[in-house]
Amino acid sequence: MHAGVFVTGTDTGVGKTVVACALVRGLRARGIDVGVMKPCETGVGADGPLDAIRLARAGGDPDPLEQVCPQRFALPAAPSVAAEHEGRHVDLEGIAHTFNRMPRSFLCYT
């Protein structure tokens, strides 16, 4: 059974990644096996999904980055807007499938 925390905010740059990383580190310090997931990341450039990478590092996450961050979009906007800009859609079923396949407790962040 998964237990989870979902960190959300109303804008970019408001500290969601900082809070999520702190929570992950705190849980791990208490011996809790924590997996991480950033379902969608926007504003992704050539260096990849930087927030998801930070989150995975905080969690010591061995999962492939494709599982940690299954949806990535270049435009720094809301996921639905960024997806539409690329002629794509946010694949909620795919995100749910990825989440359900992960074996540990989770801190989910978007």
PDB file of N, CA and C in Angstrom:
ATOM      1  N   MET A   1       0.833  -1.181   0.000  1.00  0.00           N
ATOM      2  CA  MET A   1       0.000   0.000   0.000  1.00  0.00           C
ATOM      3  C   MET A   1       0.872   1.237   0.000  1.00  0.00           C
ATOM      4  N   HIS A   2       0.508   2.210  -0.811  1.00  0.00           N
ATOM      5  CA  HIS A   2       1.258   3.455  -0.885  1.00  0.00           C
ATOM      6  C   HIS A   2       0.724   4.474   0.107  1.00  0.00           C
ATOM      7  N   ALA A   3       1.632   5.165   0.737  1.00  0.00           N
ATOM      8  CA  ALA A   3       1.290   6.361   1.491  1.00  0.00           C
ATOM      9  C   ALA A   3       1.950   7.502   0.736  1.00  0.00           C
ATOM     10  N   GLY A   4       1.362   8.648   0.745  1.00  0.00           N
ATOM     11  CA  GLY A   4       1.960   9.691  -0.047  1.00  0.00           C
ATOM     12  C   GLY A   4       1.689  11.081   0.454  1.00  0.00           C
ATOM     13  N   VAL A   5       2.501  11.969  -0.031  1.00  0.00           N
ATOM     14  CA  VAL A   5       2.367  13.393   0.210  1.00  0.00           C
ATOM     15  C   VAL A   5       2.419  14.047  -1.157  1.00  0.00           C
ATOM     16  N   PHE A   6       1.504  14.936  -1.398  1.00  0.00           N
ATOM     17  CA  PHE A   6       1.460  15.643  -2.680  1.00  0.00           C
ATOM     18  C   PHE A   6       1.733  17.111  -2.406  1.00  0.00           C
ATOM     19  N   VAL A   7       2.817  17.617  -2.949  1.00  0.00           N
ATOM     20  CA  VAL A   7       3.194  19.018  -2.761  1.00  0.00           C
ATOM     21  C   VAL A   7       2.769  19.778  -4.007  1.00  0.00           C
ATOM     22  N   THR A   8       1.997  20.825  -3.817  1.00  0.00           N
ATOM     23  CA  THR A   8       1.528  21.601  -4.951  1.00  0.00           C
ATOM     24  C   THR A   8       1.591  23.083  -4.625  1.00  0.00           C
ATOM     25  N   GLY A   9       1.555  23.886  -5.637  1.00  0.00           N
ATOM     26  CA  GLY A   9       1.571  25.340  -5.487  1.00  0.00           C
ATOM     27  C   GLY A   9       0.955  25.974  -6.703  1.00  0.00           C
ATOM     28  N   THR A  10       0.747  27.258  -6.635  1.00  0.00           N
ATOM     29  CA  THR A  10       0.013  27.946  -7.691  1.00  0.00           C
ATOM     30  C   THR A  10       0.890  28.602  -8.746  1.00  0.00           C
ATOM     31  N   ASP A  11       2.180  28.455  -8.663  1.00  0.00           N
ATOM     32  CA  ASP A  11       3.047  29.142  -9.611  1.00  0.00           C
ATOM     33  C   ASP A  11       4.398  28.438  -9.662  1.00  0.00           C
ATOM     34  N   THR A  12       5.217  28.829 -10.611  1.00  0.00           N
ATOM     35  CA  THR A  12       6.585  28.338 -10.657  1.00  0.00           C
ATOM     36  C   THR A  12       7.434  29.207  -9.735  1.00  0.00           C
ATOM     37  N   GLY A  13       8.491  28.619  -9.207  1.00  0.00           N
ATOM     38  CA  GLY A  13       9.417  29.375  -8.378  1.00  0.00           C
ATOM     39  C   GLY A  13       8.917  29.703  -6.985  1.00  0.00           C
ATOM     40  N   VAL A  14       7.906  28.984  -6.495  1.00  0.00           N
ATOM     41  CA  VAL A  14       7.372  29.284  -5.166  1.00  0.00           C
ATOM     42  C   VAL A  14       7.916  28.366  -4.072  1.00  0.00           C
ATOM     43  N   GLY A  15       8.781  27.431  -4.438  1.00  0.00           N
ATOM     44  CA  GLY A  15       9.435  26.595  -3.438  1.00  0.00           C
ATOM     45  C   GLY A  15       8.934  25.167  -3.330  1.00  0.00           C
ATOM     46  N   LYS A  16       8.161  24.694  -4.297  1.00  0.00           N
ATOM     47  CA  LYS A  16       7.644  23.326  -4.238  1.00  0.00           C
ATOM     48  C   LYS A  16       8.782  22.303  -4.201  1.00  0.00           C
ATOM     49  N   THR A  17       9.778  22.488  -5.023  1.00  0.00           N
ATOM     50  CA  THR A  17      10.891  21.543  -5.063  1.00  0.00           C
ATOM     51  C   THR A  17      11.677  21.588  -3.766  1.00  0.00           C
ATOM     52  N   VAL A  18      11.903  22.759  -3.229  1.00  0.00           N
ATOM     53  CA  VAL A  18      12.638  22.897  -1.970  1.00  0.00           C
ATOM     54  C   VAL A  18      11.906  22.167  -0.853  1.00  0.00           C
ATOM     55  N   VAL A  19      10.599  22.372  -0.749  1.00  0.00           N
ATOM     56  CA  VAL A  19       9.791  21.709   0.281  1.00  0.00           C
ATOM     57  C   VAL A  19       9.794  20.199   0.069  1.00  0.00           C
ATOM     58  N   ALA A  20       9.570  19.755  -1.152  1.00  0.00           N
ATOM     59  CA  ALA A  20       9.532  18.320  -1.433  1.00  0.00           C
ATOM     60  C   ALA A  20      10.865  17.655  -1.104  1.00  0.00           C
ATOM     61  N   CYS A  21      11.966  18.276  -1.480  1.00  0.00           N
ATOM     62  CA  CYS A  21      13.288  17.707  -1.181  1.00  0.00           C
ATOM     63  C   CYS A  21      13.523  17.636   0.324  1.00  0.00           C
ATOM     64  N   ALA A  22      13.114  18.664   1.056  1.00  0.00           N
ATOM     65  CA  ALA A  22      13.270  18.647   2.512  1.00  0.00           C
ATOM     66  C   ALA A  22      12.450  17.531   3.138  1.00  0.00           C
ATOM     67  N   LEU A  23      11.215  17.348   2.671  1.00  0.00           N
ATOM     68  CA  LEU A  23      10.379  16.262   3.185  1.00  0.00           C
ATOM     69  C   LEU A  23      11.010  14.899   2.918  1.00  0.00           C
ATOM     70  N   VAL A  24      11.506  14.704   1.717  1.00  0.00           N
ATOM     71  CA  VAL A  24      12.130  13.434   1.354  1.00  0.00           C
ATOM     72  C   VAL A  24      13.343  13.166   2.236  1.00  0.00           C
ATOM     73  N   ARG A  25      14.183  14.176   2.399  1.00  0.00           N
ATOM     74  CA  ARG A  25      15.381  13.989   3.226  1.00  0.00           C
ATOM     75  C   ARG A  25      14.992  13.674   4.674  1.00  0.00           C
ATOM     76  N   GLY A  26      13.986  14.368   5.196  1.00  0.00           N
ATOM     77  CA  GLY A  26      13.540  14.125   6.562  1.00  0.00           C
ATOM     78  C   GLY A  26      12.982  12.727   6.755  1.00  0.00           C
ATOM     79  N   LEU A  27      12.186  12.260   5.806  1.00  0.00           N
ATOM     80  CA  LEU A  27      11.636  10.908   5.886  1.00  0.00           C
ATOM     81  C   LEU A  27      12.731   9.854   5.797  1.00  0.00           C
ATOM     82  N   ARG A  28      13.657  10.071   4.887  1.00  0.00           N
ATOM     83  CA  ARG A  28      14.768   9.113   4.742  1.00  0.00           C
ATOM     84  C   ARG A  28      15.625   9.080   5.998  1.00  0.00           C
ATOM     85  N   ALA A  29      15.820  10.236   6.639  1.00  0.00           N
ATOM     86  CA  ALA A  29      16.612  10.293   7.870  1.00  0.00           C
ATOM     87  C   ALA A  29      15.950   9.478   8.980  1.00  0.00           C
ATOM     88  N   ARG A  30      14.649   9.262   8.880  1.00  0.00           N
ATOM     89  CA  ARG A  30      13.914   8.469   9.858  1.00  0.00           C
ATOM     90  C   ARG A  30      13.792   7.004   9.431  1.00  0.00           C
ATOM     91  N   GLY A  31      14.497   6.640   8.367  1.00  0.00           N
ATOM     92  CA  GLY A  31      14.521   5.248   7.932  1.00  0.00           C
ATOM     93  C   GLY A  31      13.355   4.839   7.057  1.00  0.00           C
ATOM     94  N   ILE A  32      12.608   5.793   6.552  1.00  0.00           N
ATOM     95  CA  ILE A  32      11.460   5.491   5.709  1.00  0.00           C
ATOM     96  C   ILE A  32      11.917   5.387   4.255  1.00  0.00           C
ATOM     97  N   ASP A  33      11.523   4.311   3.598  1.00  0.00           N
ATOM     98  CA  ASP A  33      11.861   4.088   2.193  1.00  0.00           C
ATOM     99  C   ASP A  33      10.946   4.955   1.339  1.00  0.00           C
ATOM    100  N   VAL A  34      11.491   6.008   0.798  1.00  0.00           N
ATOM    101  CA  VAL A  34      10.694   6.995   0.073  1.00  0.00           C
ATOM    102  C   VAL A  34      11.046   6.966  -1.410  1.00  0.00           C
ATOM    103  N   GLY A  35      10.050   6.847  -2.234  1.00  0.00           N
ATOM    104  CA  GLY A  35      10.206   7.016  -3.669  1.00  0.00           C
ATOM    105  C   GLY A  35       9.709   8.404  -4.026  1.00  0.00           C
ATOM    106  N   VAL A  36      10.130   8.903  -5.139  1.00  0.00           N
ATOM    107  CA  VAL A  36       9.733  10.246  -5.556  1.00  0.00           C
ATOM    108  C   VAL A  36       9.157  10.228  -6.957  1.00  0.00           C
ATOM    109  N   MET A  37       8.302  11.184  -7.207  1.00  0.00           N
ATOM    110  CA  MET A  37       7.729  11.317  -8.545  1.00  0.00           C
ATOM    111  C   MET A  37       7.341  12.762  -8.782  1.00  0.00           C
ATOM    112  N   LYS A  38       7.729  13.270  -9.915  1.00  0.00           N
ATOM    113  CA  LYS A  38       7.260  14.562 -10.401  1.00  0.00           C
ATOM    114  C   LYS A  38       6.498  14.222 -11.674  1.00  0.00           C
ATOM    115  N   PRO A  39       5.182  14.086 -11.584  1.00  0.00           N
ATOM    116  CA  PRO A  39       4.396  13.584 -12.710  1.00  0.00           C
ATOM    117  C   PRO A  39       4.584  14.374 -14.003  1.00  0.00           C
ATOM    118  N   CYS A  40       4.631  15.693 -13.909  1.00  0.00           N
ATOM    119  CA  CYS A  40       4.833  16.558 -15.082  1.00  0.00           C
ATOM    120  C   CYS A  40       5.843  17.631 -14.722  1.00  0.00           C
ATOM    121  N   GLU A  41       6.747  17.889 -15.626  1.00  0.00           N
ATOM    122  CA  GLU A  41       7.631  19.041 -15.457  1.00  0.00           C
ATOM    123  C   GLU A  41       7.596  19.842 -16.740  1.00  0.00           C
ATOM    124  N   THR A  42       7.418  21.135 -16.584  1.00  0.00           N
ATOM    125  CA  THR A  42       7.436  22.043 -17.726  1.00  0.00           C
ATOM    126  C   THR A  42       8.689  22.898 -17.655  1.00  0.00           C
ATOM    127  N   GLY A  43       8.985  23.565 -18.753  1.00  0.00           N
ATOM    128  CA  GLY A  43      10.194  24.372 -18.803  1.00  0.00           C
ATOM    129  C   GLY A  43      11.442  23.520 -18.905  1.00  0.00           C
ATOM    130  N   VAL A  44      11.313  22.335 -19.466  1.00  0.00           N
ATOM    131  CA  VAL A  44      12.430  21.394 -19.554  1.00  0.00           C
ATOM    132  C   VAL A  44      13.289  21.735 -20.764  1.00  0.00           C
ATOM    133  N   GLY A  45      14.565  21.954 -20.497  1.00  0.00           N
ATOM    134  CA  GLY A  45      15.511  22.282 -21.557  1.00  0.00           C
ATOM    135  C   GLY A  45      16.443  21.117 -21.847  1.00  0.00           C
ATOM    136  N   ALA A  46      17.561  21.436 -22.473  1.00  0.00           N
ATOM    137  CA  ALA A  46      18.527  20.418 -22.901  1.00  0.00           C
ATOM    138  C   ALA A  46      19.125  19.634 -21.734  1.00  0.00           C
ATOM    139  N   ASP A  47      19.158  20.238 -20.546  1.00  0.00           N
ATOM    140  CA  ASP A  47      19.736  19.561 -19.384  1.00  0.00           C
ATOM    141  C   ASP A  47      18.759  18.602 -18.709  1.00  0.00           C
ATOM    142  N   GLY A  48      17.547  18.512 -19.233  1.00  0.00           N
ATOM    143  CA  GLY A  48      16.568  17.587 -18.689  1.00  0.00           C
ATOM    144  C   GLY A  48      15.657  18.237 -17.666  1.00  0.00           C
ATOM    145  N   PRO A  49      14.832  17.425 -17.010  1.00  0.00           N
ATOM    146  CA  PRO A  49      13.883  17.936 -16.009  1.00  0.00           C
ATOM    147  C   PRO A  49      14.607  18.211 -14.678  1.00  0.00           C
ATOM    148  N   LEU A  50      15.103  19.415 -14.516  1.00  0.00           N
ATOM    149  CA  LEU A  50      15.985  19.732 -13.394  1.00  0.00           C
ATOM    150  C   LEU A  50      15.326  19.554 -12.026  1.00  0.00           C
ATOM    151  N   ASP A  51      14.055  19.916 -11.893  1.00  0.00           N
ATOM    152  CA  ASP A  51      13.379  19.715 -10.608  1.00  0.00           C
ATOM    153  C   ASP A  51      13.267  18.230 -10.283  1.00  0.00           C
ATOM    154  N   ALA A  52      12.916  17.425 -11.261  1.00  0.00           N
ATOM    155  CA  ALA A  52      12.805  15.981 -11.044  1.00  0.00           C
ATOM    156  C   ALA A  52      14.161  15.386 -10.687  1.00  0.00           C
ATOM    157  N   ILE A  53      15.211  15.861 -11.317  1.00  0.00           N
ATOM    158  CA  ILE A  53      16.562  15.384 -11.005  1.00  0.00           C
ATOM    159  C   ILE A  53      16.913  15.734  -9.563  1.00  0.00           C
ATOM    160  N   ARG A  54      16.615  16.963  -9.135  1.00  0.00           N
ATOM    161  CA  ARG A  54      16.883  17.361  -7.748  1.00  0.00           C
ATOM    162  C   ARG A  54      16.095  16.485  -6.768  1.00  0.00           C
ATOM    163  N   LEU A  55      14.849  16.255  -7.077  1.00  0.00           N
ATOM    164  CA  LEU A  55      13.997  15.444  -6.223  1.00  0.00           C
ATOM    165  C   LEU A  55      14.519  14.011  -6.133  1.00  0.00           C
ATOM    166  N   ALA A  56      14.908  13.443  -7.258  1.00  0.00           N
ATOM    167  CA  ALA A  56      15.448  12.080  -7.266  1.00  0.00           C
ATOM    168  C   ALA A  56      16.736  11.998  -6.456  1.00  0.00           C
ATOM    169  N   ARG A  57      17.579  12.997  -6.584  1.00  0.00           N
ATOM    170  CA  ARG A  57      18.829  13.003  -5.804  1.00  0.00           C
ATOM    171  C   ARG A  57      18.543  13.098  -4.312  1.00  0.00           C
ATOM    172  N   ALA A  58      17.589  13.924  -3.928  1.00  0.00           N
ATOM    173  CA  ALA A  58      17.230  14.066  -2.510  1.00  0.00           C
ATOM    174  C   ALA A  58      16.742  12.735  -1.954  1.00  0.00           C
ATOM    175  N   GLY A  59      16.038  11.993  -2.779  1.00  0.00           N
ATOM    176  CA  GLY A  59      15.504  10.714  -2.346  1.00  0.00           C
ATOM    177  C   GLY A  59      16.457   9.556  -2.510  1.00  0.00           C
ATOM    178  N   GLY A  60      17.617   9.813  -3.116  1.00  0.00           N
ATOM    179  CA  GLY A  60      18.525   8.717  -3.404  1.00  0.00           C
ATOM    180  C   GLY A  60      17.848   7.700  -4.300  1.00  0.00           C
ATOM    181  N   ASP A  61      16.980   8.196  -5.157  1.00  0.00           N
ATOM    182  CA  ASP A  61      16.075   7.353  -5.929  1.00  0.00           C
ATOM    183  C   ASP A  61      16.805   6.605  -7.043  1.00  0.00           C
ATOM    184  N   PRO A  62      16.753   5.272  -7.012  1.00  0.00           N
ATOM    185  CA  PRO A  62      17.385   4.484  -8.064  1.00  0.00           C
ATOM    186  C   PRO A  62      16.494   4.295  -9.293  1.00  0.00           C
ATOM    187  N   ASP A  63      15.248   4.778  -9.222  1.00  0.00           N
ATOM    188  CA  ASP A  63      14.335   4.589 -10.343  1.00  0.00           C
ATOM    189  C   ASP A  63      14.778   5.409 -11.552  1.00  0.00           C
ATOM    190  N   PRO A  64      14.526   4.907 -12.747  1.00  0.00           N
ATOM    191  CA  PRO A  64      14.884   5.655 -13.957  1.00  0.00           C
ATOM    192  C   PRO A  64      14.149   6.997 -13.987  1.00  0.00           C
ATOM    193  N   LEU A  65      14.788   7.995 -14.553  1.00  0.00           N
ATOM    194  CA  LEU A  65      14.204   9.328 -14.628  1.00  0.00           C
ATOM    195  C   LEU A  65      12.865   9.318 -15.367  1.00  0.00           C
ATOM    196  N   GLU A  66      12.667   8.377 -16.285  1.00  0.00           N
ATOM    197  CA  GLU A  66      11.398   8.263 -17.009  1.00  0.00           C
ATOM    198  C   GLU A  66      10.256   7.895 -16.062  1.00  0.00           C
ATOM    199  N   GLN A  67      10.561   7.203 -14.965  1.00  0.00           N
ATOM    200  CA  GLN A  67       9.548   6.885 -13.963  1.00  0.00           C
ATOM    201  C   GLN A  67       9.356   8.041 -12.993  1.00  0.00           C
ATOM    202  N   VAL A  68      10.440   8.692 -12.633  1.00  0.00           N
ATOM    203  CA  VAL A  68      10.356   9.820 -11.712  1.00  0.00           C
ATOM    204  C   VAL A  68       9.585  10.961 -12.360  1.00  0.00           C
ATOM    205  N   CYS A  69       9.810  11.187 -13.641  1.00  0.00           N
ATOM    206  CA  CYS A  69       9.159  12.292 -14.354  1.00  0.00           C
ATOM    207  C   CYS A  69       8.689  11.808 -15.724  1.00  0.00           C
ATOM    208  N   PRO A  70       7.512  11.169 -15.769  1.00  0.00           N
ATOM    209  CA  PRO A  70       7.055  10.585 -17.024  1.00  0.00           C
ATOM    210  C   PRO A  70       6.559  11.586 -18.073  1.00  0.00           C
ATOM    211  N   GLN A  71       6.212  12.804 -17.682  1.00  0.00           N
ATOM    212  CA  GLN A  71       5.713  13.793 -18.643  1.00  0.00           C
ATOM    213  C   GLN A  71       6.587  15.042 -18.563  1.00  0.00           C
ATOM    214  N   ARG A  72       7.150  15.433 -19.708  1.00  0.00           N
ATOM    215  CA  ARG A  72       8.044  16.597 -19.758  1.00  0.00           C
ATOM    216  C   ARG A  72       7.660  17.465 -20.950  1.00  0.00           C
ATOM    217  N   PHE A  73       7.674  18.775 -20.706  1.00  0.00           N
ATOM    218  CA  PHE A  73       7.308  19.724 -21.750  1.00  0.00           C
ATOM    219  C   PHE A  73       8.266  20.910 -21.716  1.00  0.00           C
ATOM    220  N   ALA A  74       8.558  21.468 -22.864  1.00  0.00           N
ATOM    221  CA  ALA A  74       9.530  22.557 -22.959  1.00  0.00           C
ATOM    222  C   ALA A  74       8.989  23.904 -22.481  1.00  0.00           C
ATOM    223  N   LEU A  75       7.761  24.205 -22.787  1.00  0.00           N
ATOM    224  CA  LEU A  75       7.204  25.517 -22.443  1.00  0.00           C
ATOM    225  C   LEU A  75       7.039  25.637 -20.929  1.00  0.00           C
ATOM    226  N   PRO A  76       7.560  26.714 -20.324  1.00  0.00           N
ATOM    227  CA  PRO A  76       7.380  26.909 -18.879  1.00  0.00           C
ATOM    228  C   PRO A  76       5.997  27.487 -18.587  1.00  0.00           C
ATOM    229  N   ALA A  77       5.024  26.606 -18.523  1.00  0.00           N
ATOM    230  CA  ALA A  77       3.630  27.003 -18.311  1.00  0.00           C
ATOM    231  C   ALA A  77       2.923  25.852 -17.609  1.00  0.00           C
ATOM    232  N   ALA A  78       1.651  26.026 -17.338  1.00  0.00           N
ATOM    233  CA  ALA A  78       0.870  24.930 -16.766  1.00  0.00           C
ATOM    234  C   ALA A  78       1.002  23.712 -17.680  1.00  0.00           C
ATOM    235  N   PRO A  79       1.034  22.502 -17.113  1.00  0.00           N
ATOM    236  CA  PRO A  79       1.218  21.310 -17.946  1.00  0.00           C
ATOM    237  C   PRO A  79       0.247  21.203 -19.116  1.00  0.00           C
ATOM    238  N   SER A  80      -1.025  21.521 -18.912  1.00  0.00           N
ATOM    239  CA  SER A  80      -1.983  21.411 -20.014  1.00  0.00           C
ATOM    240  C   SER A  80      -1.670  22.406 -21.122  1.00  0.00           C
ATOM    241  N   VAL A  81      -1.229  23.593 -20.761  1.00  0.00           N
ATOM    242  CA  VAL A  81      -0.868  24.619 -21.752  1.00  0.00           C
ATOM    243  C   VAL A  81       0.408  24.211 -22.489  1.00  0.00           C
ATOM    244  N   ALA A  82       1.410  23.741 -21.736  1.00  0.00           N
ATOM    245  CA  ALA A  82       2.674  23.320 -22.346  1.00  0.00           C
ATOM    246  C   ALA A  82       2.459  22.133 -23.284  1.00  0.00           C
ATOM    247  N   ALA A  83       1.612  21.203 -22.879  1.00  0.00           N
ATOM    248  CA  ALA A  83       1.327  20.042 -23.723  1.00  0.00           C
ATOM    249  C   ALA A  83       0.633  20.475 -25.007  1.00  0.00           C
ATOM    250  N   GLU A  84      -0.371  21.316 -24.889  1.00  0.00           N
ATOM    251  CA  GLU A  84      -1.100  21.785 -26.068  1.00  0.00           C
ATOM    252  C   GLU A  84      -0.165  22.522 -27.026  1.00  0.00           C
ATOM    253  N   HIS A  85       0.758  23.287 -26.486  1.00  0.00           N
ATOM    254  CA  HIS A  85       1.735  24.021 -27.305  1.00  0.00           C
ATOM    255  C   HIS A  85       2.571  23.061 -28.161  1.00  0.00           C
ATOM    256  N   GLU A  86       2.796  21.854 -27.652  1.00  0.00           N
ATOM    257  CA  GLU A  86       3.580  20.842 -28.368  1.00  0.00           C
ATOM    258  C   GLU A  86       2.706  19.875 -29.158  1.00  0.00           C
ATOM    259  N   GLY A  87       1.389  20.116 -29.184  1.00  0.00           N
ATOM    260  CA  GLY A  87       0.497  19.212 -29.893  1.00  0.00           C
ATOM    261  C   GLY A  87       0.329  17.880 -29.180  1.00  0.00           C
ATOM    262  N   ARG A  88       0.514  17.895 -27.876  1.00  0.00           N
ATOM    263  CA  ARG A  88       0.401  16.683 -27.063  1.00  0.00           C
ATOM    264  C   ARG A  88      -0.679  16.894 -26.010  1.00  0.00           C
ATOM    265  N   HIS A  89      -0.833  15.929 -25.142  1.00  0.00           N
ATOM    266  CA  HIS A  89      -1.748  16.063 -24.016  1.00  0.00           C
ATOM    267  C   HIS A  89      -1.071  15.498 -22.768  1.00  0.00           C
ATOM    268  N   VAL A  90      -1.555  15.906 -21.613  1.00  0.00           N
ATOM    269  CA  VAL A  90      -1.071  15.328 -20.368  1.00  0.00           C
ATOM    270  C   VAL A  90      -1.730  13.958 -20.240  1.00  0.00           C
ATOM    271  N   ASP A  91      -0.914  12.939 -20.161  1.00  0.00           N
ATOM    272  CA  ASP A  91      -1.390  11.555 -20.126  1.00  0.00           C
ATOM    273  C   ASP A  91      -1.614  11.115 -18.678  1.00  0.00           C
ATOM    274  N   LEU A  92      -2.788  11.426 -18.149  1.00  0.00           N
ATOM    275  CA  LEU A  92      -3.088  11.100 -16.758  1.00  0.00           C
ATOM    276  C   LEU A  92      -3.099   9.592 -16.503  1.00  0.00           C
ATOM    277  N   GLU A  93      -3.595   8.822 -17.449  1.00  0.00           N
ATOM    278  CA  GLU A  93      -3.598   7.366 -17.290  1.00  0.00           C
ATOM    279  C   GLU A  93      -2.172   6.820 -17.232  1.00  0.00           C
ATOM    280  N   GLY A  94      -1.316   7.359 -18.086  1.00  0.00           N
ATOM    281  CA  GLY A  94       0.085   6.927 -18.078  1.00  0.00           C
ATOM    282  C   GLY A  94       0.782   7.288 -16.779  1.00  0.00           C
ATOM    283  N   ILE A  95       0.494   8.477 -16.261  1.00  0.00           N
ATOM    284  CA  ILE A  95       1.074   8.897 -14.985  1.00  0.00           C
ATOM    285  C   ILE A  95       0.584   7.977 -13.868  1.00  0.00           C
ATOM    286  N   ALA A  96      -0.711   7.687 -13.838  1.00  0.00           N
ATOM    287  CA  ALA A  96      -1.265   6.802 -12.808  1.00  0.00           C
ATOM    288  C   ALA A  96      -0.649   5.407 -12.912  1.00  0.00           C
ATOM    289  N   HIS A  97      -0.477   4.915 -14.125  1.00  0.00           N
ATOM    290  CA  HIS A  97       0.128   3.597 -14.323  1.00  0.00           C
ATOM    291  C   HIS A  97       1.559   3.587 -13.778  1.00  0.00           C
ATOM    292  N   THR A  98       2.326   4.616 -14.082  1.00  0.00           N
ATOM    293  CA  THR A  98       3.697   4.708 -13.590  1.00  0.00           C
ATOM    294  C   THR A  98       3.713   4.755 -12.070  1.00  0.00           C
ATOM    295  N   PHE A  99       2.857   5.580 -11.479  1.00  0.00           N
ATOM    296  CA  PHE A  99       2.774   5.690 -10.025  1.00  0.00           C
ATOM    297  C   PHE A  99       2.448   4.340  -9.396  1.00  0.00           C
ATOM    298  N   ASN A 100       1.482   3.652  -9.936  1.00  0.00           N
ATOM    299  CA  ASN A 100       1.044   2.379  -9.354  1.00  0.00           C
ATOM    300  C   ASN A 100       2.077   1.268  -9.476  1.00  0.00           C
ATOM    301  N   ARG A 101       3.018   1.394 -10.390  1.00  0.00           N
ATOM    302  CA  ARG A 101       4.070   0.388 -10.558  1.00  0.00           C
ATOM    303  C   ARG A 101       5.234   0.603  -9.598  1.00  0.00           C
ATOM    304  N   MET A 102       5.330   1.777  -8.986  1.00  0.00           N
ATOM    305  CA  MET A 102       6.461   2.057  -8.109  1.00  0.00           C
ATOM    306  C   MET A 102       6.246   1.371  -6.763  1.00  0.00           C
ATOM    307  N   PRO A 103       7.271   0.695  -6.238  1.00  0.00           N
ATOM    308  CA  PRO A 103       7.085  -0.199  -5.100  1.00  0.00           C
ATOM    309  C   PRO A 103       7.136   0.421  -3.714  1.00  0.00           C
ATOM    310  N   ARG A 104       7.503   1.668  -3.570  1.00  0.00           N
ATOM    311  CA  ARG A 104       7.724   2.227  -2.231  1.00  0.00           C
ATOM    312  C   ARG A 104       6.672   3.249  -1.863  1.00  0.00           C
ATOM    313  N   SER A 105       6.820   3.775  -0.656  1.00  0.00           N
ATOM    314  CA  SER A 105       6.044   4.936  -0.238  1.00  0.00           C
ATOM    315  C   SER A 105       6.470   6.086  -1.137  1.00  0.00           C
ATOM    316  N   PHE A 106       5.658   7.107  -1.218  1.00  0.00           N
ATOM    317  CA  PHE A 106       5.984   8.162  -2.164  1.00  0.00           C
ATOM    318  C   PHE A 106       5.804   9.544  -1.617  1.00  0.00           C
ATOM    319  N   LEU A 107       6.618  10.422  -2.121  1.00  0.00           N
ATOM    320  CA  LEU A 107       6.357  11.837  -2.040  1.00  0.00           C
ATOM    321  C   LEU A 107       6.096  12.225  -3.476  1.00  0.00           C
ATOM    322  N   CYS A 108       4.874  12.571  -3.772  1.00  0.00           N
ATOM    323  CA  CYS A 108       4.527  12.970  -5.144  1.00  0.00           C
ATOM    324  C   CYS A 108       4.508  14.474  -5.217  1.00  0.00           C
ATOM    325  N   TYR A 109       5.056  14.997  -6.244  1.00  0.00           N
ATOM    326  CA  TYR A 109       5.239  16.444  -6.352  1.00  0.00           C
ATOM    327  C   TYR A 109       4.865  16.872  -7.750  1.00  0.00           C
ATOM    328  N   THR A 110       4.181  17.978  -7.856  1.00  0.00           N
ATOM    329  CA  THR A 110       3.914  18.556  -9.165  1.00  0.00           C
ATOM    330  C   THR A 110       3.935  20.057  -9.090  1.00  0.00           C
TER     331      THR A 110
END
